[in-house]
Amino acid sequence: MDTPKYLEDFQPGQVFRSPATLTVDAEAIKQFATQFDPQPFHLDDAAAQQTFFRGLAASGWHTAALTMRLLVDTLHIQGGIIGAGFDEFRWPRPTRPGDVLRLEAEVLGIKTSQSRPLQGFLNHRVTTYNQHDEAVLIMTGNLLVPRRS
């Protein structure tokens, strides 16, 4: 495992790429949807053909959960990844069975907390791509990151 990172280890412009990928399969899409987002385009191949998606598509929240796994395995922030809000969260295209996902996280800015000097905020953009280098999720927001004491 990489050495845990603190706020001081990040600089605007840095780009981190996931060291591994995740492959999405139809069964996982249906299992997630059954529990969390039970809609026909996530649950049933034939029914999905008649929807906006024209085929089985993962829930956006399933894609977000996979993105979170990739982000944890990529950034290695001391104490874990703690979200402090999002400015943008979108899914430009659906995640499909067979997609192989990877992640890029770009540091947009760093700000030390005025009220809590032992922590700060990392403003970042995360893009999750499929095997065709098409974005399937884009989110911009802030992470709460500890500073070295």
N, C-alpha and C. Protein backbone atom coordinates (compact mmCIF):
# COMPACT_ATOMS: atom_id res chain seq x y z
N MET A 1 0.84 -1.19 0.00
CA MET A 1 0.00 0.00 0.00
C MET A 1 0.88 1.25 0.00
N ASP A 2 0.43 2.27 -0.70
CA ASP A 2 1.17 3.53 -0.74
C ASP A 2 1.19 4.19 0.63
N THR A 3 2.17 5.06 0.83
CA THR A 3 2.26 5.85 2.05
C THR A 3 1.06 6.80 2.10
N PRO A 4 0.38 6.87 3.25
CA PRO A 4 -0.77 7.79 3.36
C PRO A 4 -0.36 9.23 3.06
N LYS A 5 -1.22 9.94 2.37
CA LYS A 5 -0.94 11.31 1.96
C LYS A 5 -1.66 12.31 2.86
N TYR A 6 -0.99 13.45 3.06
CA TYR A 6 -1.55 14.58 3.79
C TYR A 6 -1.78 15.72 2.82
N LEU A 7 -2.43 16.77 3.30
CA LEU A 7 -2.74 17.92 2.44
C LEU A 7 -1.49 18.46 1.75
N GLU A 8 -0.37 18.48 2.48
CA GLU A 8 0.87 19.02 1.93
C GLU A 8 1.43 18.20 0.77
N ASP A 9 0.95 16.97 0.61
CA ASP A 9 1.43 16.10 -0.46
C ASP A 9 0.74 16.36 -1.80
N PHE A 10 -0.26 17.22 -1.79
CA PHE A 10 -1.03 17.51 -3.00
C PHE A 10 -0.72 18.90 -3.51
N GLN A 11 -0.72 19.04 -4.84
CA GLN A 11 -0.49 20.33 -5.50
C GLN A 11 -1.48 20.48 -6.64
N PRO A 12 -2.01 21.68 -6.86
CA PRO A 12 -2.89 21.89 -8.01
C PRO A 12 -2.21 21.44 -9.30
N GLY A 13 -2.97 20.77 -10.12
CA GLY A 13 -2.45 20.27 -11.39
C GLY A 13 -2.03 18.81 -11.36
N GLN A 14 -1.81 18.26 -10.18
CA GLN A 14 -1.46 16.83 -10.10
C GLN A 14 -2.62 15.99 -10.63
N VAL A 15 -2.30 14.92 -11.32
CA VAL A 15 -3.29 13.96 -11.79
C VAL A 15 -2.89 12.59 -11.28
N PHE A 16 -3.84 11.93 -10.64
CA PHE A 16 -3.63 10.58 -10.13
C PHE A 16 -4.49 9.62 -10.95
N ARG A 17 -3.90 8.51 -11.36
CA ARG A 17 -4.60 7.51 -12.16
C ARG A 17 -4.72 6.22 -11.36
N SER A 18 -5.87 5.59 -11.45
CA SER A 18 -6.08 4.36 -10.69
C SER A 18 -5.08 3.30 -11.10
N PRO A 19 -4.50 2.61 -10.11
CA PRO A 19 -3.52 1.57 -10.43
C PRO A 19 -4.15 0.30 -10.99
N ALA A 20 -5.45 0.18 -10.85
CA ALA A 20 -6.16 -1.02 -11.33
C ALA A 20 -7.47 -0.59 -11.99
N THR A 21 -8.15 -1.54 -12.56
CA THR A 21 -9.44 -1.31 -13.19
C THR A 21 -10.49 -2.19 -12.53
N LEU A 22 -11.74 -1.89 -12.79
CA LEU A 22 -12.85 -2.72 -12.34
C LEU A 22 -13.71 -3.07 -13.54
N THR A 23 -14.05 -4.33 -13.68
CA THR A 23 -14.91 -4.78 -14.77
C THR A 23 -16.33 -4.94 -14.25
N VAL A 24 -17.27 -4.39 -14.98
CA VAL A 24 -18.68 -4.42 -14.60
C VAL A 24 -19.35 -5.58 -15.34
N ASP A 25 -20.10 -6.40 -14.61
CA ASP A 25 -20.83 -7.48 -15.29
C ASP A 25 -22.33 -7.34 -15.05
N ALA A 26 -23.11 -7.96 -15.91
CA ALA A 26 -24.56 -7.83 -15.87
C ALA A 26 -25.14 -8.27 -14.54
N GLU A 27 -24.62 -9.34 -13.99
CA GLU A 27 -25.14 -9.83 -12.72
C GLU A 27 -24.93 -8.82 -11.59
N ALA A 28 -23.77 -8.19 -11.54
CA ALA A 28 -23.51 -7.17 -10.52
C ALA A 28 -24.44 -5.97 -10.70
N ILE A 29 -24.68 -5.58 -11.96
CA ILE A 29 -25.61 -4.47 -12.23
C ILE A 29 -26.98 -4.80 -11.68
N LYS A 30 -27.46 -6.00 -11.94
CA LYS A 30 -28.80 -6.42 -11.48
C LYS A 30 -28.86 -6.56 -9.96
N GLN A 31 -27.80 -7.08 -9.35
CA GLN A 31 -27.78 -7.22 -7.89
C GLN A 31 -27.83 -5.86 -7.21
N PHE A 32 -27.01 -4.93 -7.67
CA PHE A 32 -27.02 -3.59 -7.08
C PHE A 32 -28.40 -2.96 -7.25
N ALA A 33 -28.94 -3.04 -8.45
CA ALA A 33 -30.24 -2.43 -8.74
C ALA A 33 -31.36 -3.06 -7.91
N THR A 34 -31.32 -4.36 -7.74
CA THR A 34 -32.34 -5.03 -6.94
C THR A 34 -32.40 -4.44 -5.54
N GLN A 35 -31.25 -4.15 -4.99
CA GLN A 35 -31.19 -3.64 -3.62
C GLN A 35 -31.38 -2.13 -3.53
N PHE A 36 -30.85 -1.36 -4.49
CA PHE A 36 -30.78 0.09 -4.31
C PHE A 36 -31.48 0.94 -5.37
N ASP A 37 -31.72 0.43 -6.56
CA ASP A 37 -32.27 1.26 -7.65
C ASP A 37 -33.09 0.37 -8.59
N PRO A 38 -34.19 -0.20 -8.08
CA PRO A 38 -34.94 -1.21 -8.84
C PRO A 38 -35.79 -0.63 -9.98
N GLN A 39 -35.11 -0.35 -11.08
CA GLN A 39 -35.79 0.15 -12.26
C GLN A 39 -35.52 -0.80 -13.42
N PRO A 40 -36.46 -0.89 -14.38
CA PRO A 40 -36.34 -1.91 -15.44
C PRO A 40 -35.05 -1.85 -16.25
N PHE A 41 -34.51 -0.64 -16.49
CA PHE A 41 -33.29 -0.54 -17.31
C PHE A 41 -32.05 -1.00 -16.56
N HIS A 42 -32.18 -1.27 -15.24
CA HIS A 42 -31.07 -1.82 -14.46
C HIS A 42 -31.28 -3.30 -14.14
N LEU A 43 -32.49 -3.81 -14.36
CA LEU A 43 -32.84 -5.14 -13.86
C LEU A 43 -33.09 -6.19 -14.92
N ASP A 44 -33.57 -5.77 -16.08
CA ASP A 44 -34.07 -6.74 -17.06
C ASP A 44 -33.59 -6.38 -18.46
N ASP A 45 -32.85 -7.30 -19.06
CA ASP A 45 -32.27 -7.03 -20.39
C ASP A 45 -33.34 -6.68 -21.43
N ALA A 46 -34.39 -7.46 -21.50
CA ALA A 46 -35.43 -7.24 -22.51
C ALA A 46 -36.17 -5.93 -22.25
N ALA A 47 -36.55 -5.68 -21.01
CA ALA A 47 -37.25 -4.44 -20.68
C ALA A 47 -36.36 -3.23 -20.94
N ALA A 48 -35.07 -3.38 -20.67
CA ALA A 48 -34.13 -2.26 -20.86
C ALA A 48 -34.04 -1.84 -22.32
N GLN A 49 -34.26 -2.80 -23.23
CA GLN A 49 -34.22 -2.48 -24.67
C GLN A 49 -35.28 -1.47 -25.06
N GLN A 50 -36.38 -1.41 -24.30
CA GLN A 50 -37.50 -0.53 -24.61
C GLN A 50 -37.41 0.82 -23.91
N THR A 51 -36.30 1.09 -23.23
CA THR A 51 -36.17 2.33 -22.47
C THR A 51 -35.21 3.31 -23.17
N PHE A 52 -35.05 4.44 -22.56
CA PHE A 52 -34.11 5.47 -23.01
C PHE A 52 -32.73 4.89 -23.26
N PHE A 53 -32.30 3.94 -22.43
CA PHE A 53 -30.95 3.40 -22.51
C PHE A 53 -30.75 2.38 -23.62
N ARG A 54 -31.83 1.81 -24.14
CA ARG A 54 -31.74 0.82 -25.24
C ARG A 54 -30.84 -0.36 -24.88
N GLY A 55 -30.87 -0.75 -23.62
CA GLY A 55 -30.08 -1.88 -23.16
C GLY A 55 -29.78 -1.74 -21.68
N LEU A 56 -29.33 -2.83 -21.09
CA LEU A 56 -29.03 -2.83 -19.67
C LEU A 56 -27.97 -1.79 -19.34
N ALA A 57 -28.22 -1.02 -18.30
CA ALA A 57 -27.28 0.02 -17.85
C ALA A 57 -27.19 -0.05 -16.33
N ALA A 58 -25.99 0.17 -15.84
CA ALA A 58 -25.79 0.21 -14.39
C ALA A 58 -26.44 1.47 -13.84
N SER A 59 -26.93 1.38 -12.62
CA SER A 59 -27.40 2.56 -11.90
C SER A 59 -26.24 3.54 -11.80
N GLY A 60 -26.53 4.82 -11.91
CA GLY A 60 -25.49 5.82 -11.71
C GLY A 60 -24.86 5.70 -10.33
N TRP A 61 -25.66 5.27 -9.36
CA TRP A 61 -25.14 5.11 -7.99
C TRP A 61 -24.22 3.90 -7.90
N HIS A 62 -24.44 2.90 -8.73
CA HIS A 62 -23.52 1.77 -8.81
C HIS A 62 -22.18 2.25 -9.38
N THR A 63 -22.26 3.04 -10.45
CA THR A 63 -21.04 3.62 -11.02
C THR A 63 -20.32 4.48 -10.00
N ALA A 64 -21.09 5.25 -9.20
CA ALA A 64 -20.49 6.08 -8.16
C ALA A 64 -19.79 5.22 -7.10
N ALA A 65 -20.40 4.10 -6.73
CA ALA A 65 -19.79 3.21 -5.74
C ALA A 65 -18.50 2.60 -6.27
N LEU A 66 -18.49 2.21 -7.53
CA LEU A 66 -17.27 1.67 -8.15
C LEU A 66 -16.20 2.76 -8.22
N THR A 67 -16.63 3.98 -8.52
CA THR A 67 -15.70 5.11 -8.55
C THR A 67 -15.08 5.32 -7.18
N MET A 68 -15.89 5.22 -6.14
CA MET A 68 -15.36 5.40 -4.79
C MET A 68 -14.29 4.36 -4.49
N ARG A 69 -14.53 3.12 -4.89
CA ARG A 69 -13.52 2.07 -4.67
C ARG A 69 -12.22 2.43 -5.38
N LEU A 70 -12.33 2.85 -6.63
CA LEU A 70 -11.13 3.23 -7.39
C LEU A 70 -10.44 4.43 -6.75
N LEU A 71 -11.21 5.38 -6.23
CA LEU A 71 -10.64 6.57 -5.62
C LEU A 71 -9.87 6.23 -4.34
N VAL A 72 -10.45 5.35 -3.52
CA VAL A 72 -9.77 4.91 -2.29
C VAL A 72 -8.44 4.25 -2.63
N ASP A 73 -8.45 3.42 -3.67
CA ASP A 73 -7.24 2.69 -4.08
C ASP A 73 -6.22 3.59 -4.79
N THR A 74 -6.63 4.82 -5.13
CA THR A 74 -5.76 5.72 -5.88
C THR A 74 -5.13 6.81 -5.00
N LEU A 75 -5.92 7.45 -4.15
CA LEU A 75 -5.42 8.63 -3.43
C LEU A 75 -4.70 8.31 -2.12
N HIS A 76 -5.12 7.30 -1.40
CA HIS A 76 -4.45 6.90 -0.13
C HIS A 76 -4.31 8.07 0.83
N ILE A 77 -5.40 8.75 1.13
CA ILE A 77 -5.37 9.89 2.06
C ILE A 77 -5.32 9.38 3.49
N GLN A 78 -4.45 9.99 4.31
CA GLN A 78 -4.33 9.65 5.72
C GLN A 78 -5.71 9.77 6.39
N GLY A 79 -6.13 8.70 7.05
CA GLY A 79 -7.41 8.72 7.75
C GLY A 79 -8.61 8.41 6.88
N GLY A 80 -8.40 8.22 5.57
CA GLY A 80 -9.50 7.88 4.68
C GLY A 80 -10.02 9.06 3.89
N ILE A 81 -10.88 8.77 2.94
CA ILE A 81 -11.45 9.80 2.08
C ILE A 81 -12.76 10.28 2.71
N ILE A 82 -12.78 11.56 3.05
CA ILE A 82 -13.96 12.16 3.67
C ILE A 82 -14.45 13.27 2.75
N GLY A 83 -15.63 13.07 2.21
CA GLY A 83 -16.20 14.07 1.31
C GLY A 83 -16.70 15.28 2.08
N ALA A 84 -16.51 16.46 1.49
CA ALA A 84 -16.97 17.70 2.10
C ALA A 84 -17.88 18.45 1.13
N GLY A 85 -18.53 17.71 0.24
CA GLY A 85 -19.49 18.31 -0.68
C GLY A 85 -19.03 18.27 -2.12
N PHE A 86 -20.03 18.31 -3.02
CA PHE A 86 -19.76 18.26 -4.45
C PHE A 86 -20.33 19.50 -5.13
N ASP A 87 -19.62 19.97 -6.12
CA ASP A 87 -20.08 21.08 -6.94
C ASP A 87 -20.73 20.56 -8.22
N GLU A 88 -20.26 19.40 -8.67
CA GLU A 88 -20.73 18.81 -9.93
C GLU A 88 -20.74 17.30 -9.76
N PHE A 89 -21.78 16.67 -10.27
CA PHE A 89 -21.87 15.22 -10.23
C PHE A 89 -22.74 14.81 -11.41
N ARG A 90 -22.14 14.17 -12.41
CA ARG A 90 -22.94 13.81 -13.59
C ARG A 90 -22.44 12.53 -14.23
N TRP A 91 -23.33 11.95 -15.01
CA TRP A 91 -23.06 10.70 -15.73
C TRP A 91 -23.25 10.98 -17.22
N PRO A 92 -22.18 11.27 -17.96
CA PRO A 92 -22.32 11.62 -19.38
C PRO A 92 -22.81 10.48 -20.27
N ARG A 93 -22.56 9.23 -19.85
CA ARG A 93 -23.04 8.07 -20.61
C ARG A 93 -23.20 6.92 -19.63
N PRO A 94 -24.03 5.95 -19.98
CA PRO A 94 -24.26 4.84 -19.06
C PRO A 94 -23.08 3.88 -18.98
N THR A 95 -22.98 3.24 -17.84
CA THR A 95 -22.04 2.14 -17.64
C THR A 95 -22.78 0.87 -18.05
N ARG A 96 -22.14 0.07 -18.88
CA ARG A 96 -22.76 -1.13 -19.46
C ARG A 96 -22.07 -2.41 -18.99
N PRO A 97 -22.76 -3.54 -19.10
CA PRO A 97 -22.09 -4.81 -18.82
C PRO A 97 -20.86 -4.96 -19.70
N GLY A 98 -19.76 -5.40 -19.10
CA GLY A 98 -18.51 -5.57 -19.83
C GLY A 98 -17.60 -4.36 -19.79
N ASP A 99 -18.12 -3.21 -19.33
CA ASP A 99 -17.26 -2.03 -19.25
C ASP A 99 -16.13 -2.27 -18.25
N VAL A 100 -14.97 -1.76 -18.59
CA VAL A 100 -13.79 -1.82 -17.73
C VAL A 100 -13.49 -0.38 -17.31
N LEU A 101 -13.64 -0.12 -16.02
CA LEU A 101 -13.56 1.25 -15.51
C LEU A 101 -12.19 1.56 -14.92
N ARG A 102 -11.76 2.77 -15.16
CA ARG A 102 -10.54 3.31 -14.56
C ARG A 102 -10.84 4.75 -14.17
N LEU A 103 -9.96 5.33 -13.37
CA LEU A 103 -10.23 6.64 -12.80
C LEU A 103 -9.05 7.57 -12.95
N GLU A 104 -9.35 8.84 -13.14
CA GLU A 104 -8.35 9.90 -13.06
C GLU A 104 -8.89 10.94 -12.08
N ALA A 105 -8.03 11.37 -11.17
CA ALA A 105 -8.39 12.41 -10.20
C ALA A 105 -7.39 13.55 -10.35
N GLU A 106 -7.90 14.74 -10.61
CA GLU A 106 -7.06 15.91 -10.79
C GLU A 106 -7.24 16.86 -9.61
N VAL A 107 -6.15 17.31 -9.04
CA VAL A 107 -6.19 18.29 -7.96
C VAL A 107 -6.40 19.67 -8.59
N LEU A 108 -7.49 20.33 -8.20
CA LEU A 108 -7.81 21.65 -8.73
C LEU A 108 -7.34 22.77 -7.80
N GLY A 109 -7.35 22.48 -6.49
CA GLY A 109 -6.94 23.51 -5.54
C GLY A 109 -6.80 22.94 -4.14
N ILE A 110 -6.10 23.68 -3.31
CA ILE A 110 -5.85 23.31 -1.91
C ILE A 110 -6.18 24.52 -1.05
N LYS A 111 -6.85 24.28 0.07
CA LYS A 111 -7.18 25.38 0.98
C LYS A 111 -7.08 24.88 2.42
N THR A 112 -6.32 25.57 3.23
CA THR A 112 -6.22 25.24 4.65
C THR A 112 -7.46 25.76 5.36
N SER A 113 -7.98 24.97 6.28
CA SER A 113 -9.14 25.39 7.06
C SER A 113 -8.75 26.53 7.99
N GLN A 114 -9.56 27.57 8.00
CA GLN A 114 -9.30 28.71 8.89
C GLN A 114 -9.64 28.36 10.34
N SER A 115 -10.68 27.58 10.54
CA SER A 115 -11.14 27.26 11.89
C SER A 115 -10.46 26.03 12.49
N ARG A 116 -9.92 25.17 11.63
CA ARG A 116 -9.25 23.95 12.09
C ARG A 116 -7.94 23.80 11.34
N PRO A 117 -6.88 24.38 11.87
CA PRO A 117 -5.61 24.45 11.13
C PRO A 117 -4.93 23.09 10.88
N LEU A 118 -5.39 22.03 11.51
CA LEU A 118 -4.78 20.71 11.26
C LEU A 118 -5.45 19.96 10.13
N GLN A 119 -6.31 20.66 9.39
CA GLN A 119 -6.93 20.04 8.22
C GLN A 119 -7.19 21.08 7.16
N GLY A 120 -7.52 20.58 6.00
CA GLY A 120 -7.80 21.49 4.89
C GLY A 120 -8.68 20.81 3.87
N PHE A 121 -8.86 21.48 2.75
CA PHE A 121 -9.74 20.99 1.70
C PHE A 121 -8.98 20.80 0.40
N LEU A 122 -9.20 19.68 -0.21
CA LEU A 122 -8.63 19.36 -1.52
C LEU A 122 -9.77 19.43 -2.52
N ASN A 123 -9.74 20.42 -3.39
CA ASN A 123 -10.73 20.54 -4.45
C ASN A 123 -10.24 19.69 -5.61
N HIS A 124 -11.10 18.82 -6.12
CA HIS A 124 -10.66 17.85 -7.12
C HIS A 124 -11.75 17.57 -8.14
N ARG A 125 -11.32 17.05 -9.28
CA ARG A 125 -12.23 16.54 -10.30
C ARG A 125 -11.89 15.08 -10.52
N VAL A 126 -12.90 14.25 -10.41
CA VAL A 126 -12.73 12.82 -10.66
C VAL A 126 -13.49 12.47 -11.93
N THR A 127 -12.82 11.77 -12.82
CA THR A 127 -13.47 11.27 -14.04
C THR A 127 -13.24 9.77 -14.10
N THR A 128 -14.34 9.05 -14.23
CA THR A 128 -14.27 7.60 -14.41
C THR A 128 -14.51 7.31 -15.88
N TYR A 129 -13.60 6.54 -16.47
CA TYR A 129 -13.65 6.22 -17.89
C TYR A 129 -13.93 4.74 -18.10
N ASN A 130 -14.56 4.43 -19.22
CA ASN A 130 -14.68 3.03 -19.63
C ASN A 130 -13.49 2.66 -20.52
N GLN A 131 -13.52 1.45 -21.05
CA GLN A 131 -12.40 0.93 -21.85
C GLN A 131 -12.22 1.67 -23.17
N HIS A 132 -13.21 2.48 -23.56
CA HIS A 132 -13.11 3.27 -24.80
C HIS A 132 -12.68 4.71 -24.51
N ASP A 133 -12.22 4.96 -23.28
CA ASP A 133 -11.84 6.31 -22.83
C ASP A 133 -12.99 7.30 -22.89
N GLU A 134 -14.20 6.78 -22.71
CA GLU A 134 -15.39 7.62 -22.62
C GLU A 134 -15.72 7.83 -21.14
N ALA A 135 -15.98 9.07 -20.76
CA ALA A 135 -16.34 9.35 -19.37
C ALA A 135 -17.71 8.79 -19.06
N VAL A 136 -17.82 8.06 -17.96
CA VAL A 136 -19.10 7.55 -17.49
C VAL A 136 -19.54 8.24 -16.19
N LEU A 137 -18.62 8.94 -15.55
CA LEU A 137 -18.93 9.72 -14.35
C LEU A 137 -17.92 10.85 -14.24
N ILE A 138 -18.43 12.04 -13.92
CA ILE A 138 -17.57 13.19 -13.66
C ILE A 138 -18.09 13.86 -12.39
N MET A 139 -17.22 14.06 -11.43
CA MET A 139 -17.62 14.77 -10.22
C MET A 139 -16.52 15.73 -9.80
N THR A 140 -16.94 16.87 -9.34
CA THR A 140 -16.03 17.88 -8.83
C THR A 140 -16.48 18.24 -7.43
N GLY A 141 -15.55 18.27 -6.50
CA GLY A 141 -15.93 18.58 -5.13
C GLY A 141 -14.72 18.74 -4.24
N ASN A 142 -14.98 18.64 -2.95
CA ASN A 142 -13.94 18.85 -1.95
C ASN A 142 -13.82 17.65 -1.03
N LEU A 143 -12.59 17.36 -0.67
CA LEU A 143 -12.30 16.34 0.32
C LEU A 143 -11.68 17.01 1.54
N LEU A 144 -12.01 16.52 2.71
CA LEU A 144 -11.39 16.97 3.94
C LEU A 144 -10.14 16.14 4.15
N VAL A 145 -8.99 16.81 4.23
CA VAL A 145 -7.69 16.10 4.29
C VAL A 145 -6.89 16.64 5.47
N PRO A 146 -6.31 15.74 6.29
CA PRO A 146 -5.52 16.22 7.42
C PRO A 146 -4.20 16.81 6.95
N ARG A 147 -3.69 17.76 7.76
CA ARG A 147 -2.36 18.31 7.54
C ARG A 147 -1.41 17.59 8.49
N ARG A 148 -0.14 17.64 8.16
CA ARG A 148 0.87 17.10 9.08
C ARG A 148 0.91 17.99 10.31
N SER A 149 0.96 17.40 11.49
CA SER A 149 0.99 18.22 12.71
C SER A 149 2.40 18.65 13.06
